[in-house]
Amino acid sequence: MGKKPATYADLEALPDHVVGEIVAGELYASPRPASPHALASSR
């Protein structure tokens, strides 16, 4: 059986120092930027 799609509860469960988003049912997470003025890019 396949993997279940990520949910909002999965995002809520991430530690405070990690940010994440759900794209097409997959959870993508990365460290939270140290500065609120940090730039982010998306490919």
C-alpha atoms as a PDB file:
ATOM      1  CA  MET A   1       0.000   0.000   0.000  1.00  0.00           C
ATOM      2  CA  GLY A   2       1.262   3.522  -0.815  1.00  0.00           C
ATOM      3  CA  LYS A   3       2.263   6.321   1.486  1.00  0.00           C
ATOM      4  CA  LYS A   4      -0.523   8.568   2.848  1.00  0.00           C
ATOM      5  CA  PRO A   5      -0.516  12.208   1.674  1.00  0.00           C
ATOM      6  CA  ALA A   6       0.833  14.790   4.123  1.00  0.00           C
ATOM      7  CA  THR A   7      -1.734  16.724   6.149  1.00  0.00           C
ATOM      8  CA  TYR A   8      -1.943  20.026   8.015  1.00  0.00           C
ATOM      9  CA  ALA A   9      -1.367  18.046  11.219  1.00  0.00           C
ATOM     10  CA  ASP A  10       2.026  16.981   9.819  1.00  0.00           C
ATOM     11  CA  LEU A  11       2.945  20.671   9.384  1.00  0.00           C
ATOM     12  CA  GLU A  12       1.790  21.441  12.932  1.00  0.00           C
ATOM     13  CA  ALA A  13       4.025  18.647  14.261  1.00  0.00           C
ATOM     14  CA  LEU A  14       7.225  20.206  12.869  1.00  0.00           C
ATOM     15  CA  PRO A  15       9.606  21.691  15.466  1.00  0.00           C
ATOM     16  CA  ASP A  16       9.658  25.495  15.841  1.00  0.00           C
ATOM     17  CA  HIS A  17      13.015  25.776  14.067  1.00  0.00           C
ATOM     18  CA  VAL A  18      11.664  24.096  10.905  1.00  0.00           C
ATOM     19  CA  VAL A  19       9.298  25.449   8.257  1.00  0.00           C
ATOM     20  CA  GLY A  20       7.430  23.316   5.780  1.00  0.00           C
ATOM     21  CA  GLU A  21       4.864  23.173   3.044  1.00  0.00           C
ATOM     22  CA  ILE A  22       2.805  20.506   1.375  1.00  0.00           C
ATOM     23  CA  VAL A  23       3.091  20.161  -2.390  1.00  0.00           C
ATOM     24  CA  ALA A  24       1.103  17.497  -4.232  1.00  0.00           C
ATOM     25  CA  GLY A  25       0.642  15.535  -1.011  1.00  0.00           C
ATOM     26  CA  GLU A  26       4.357  15.563  -0.102  1.00  0.00           C
ATOM     27  CA  LEU A  27       5.723  17.375   2.970  1.00  0.00           C
ATOM     28  CA  TYR A  28       8.812  19.489   2.285  1.00  0.00           C
ATOM     29  CA  ALA A  29      10.646  20.894   5.309  1.00  0.00           C
ATOM     30  CA  SER A  30      13.734  23.038   5.825  1.00  0.00           C
ATOM     31  CA  PRO A  31      15.416  24.960   8.632  1.00  0.00           C
ATOM     32  CA  ARG A  32      13.753  28.264   9.500  1.00  0.00           C
ATOM     33  CA  PRO A  33      15.884  31.222   8.304  1.00  0.00           C
ATOM     34  CA  ALA A  34      17.824  32.878  11.133  1.00  0.00           C
ATOM     35  CA  SER A  35      16.784  36.352   9.967  1.00  0.00           C
ATOM     36  CA  PRO A  36      13.225  37.491   9.245  1.00  0.00           C
ATOM     37  CA  HIS A  37      14.760  39.437   6.336  1.00  0.00           C
ATOM     38  CA  ALA A  38      16.346  36.375   4.716  1.00  0.00           C
ATOM     39  CA  LEU A  39      15.498  35.776   1.095  1.00  0.00           C
ATOM     40  CA  ALA A  40      13.930  32.557  -0.111  1.00  0.00           C
ATOM     41  CA  SER A  41      13.758  31.211  -3.616  1.00  0.00           C
ATOM     42  CA  SER A  42      11.686  28.573  -5.268  1.00  0.00           C
ATOM     43  CA  ARG A  43      12.772  26.533  -8.277  1.00  0.00           C
END
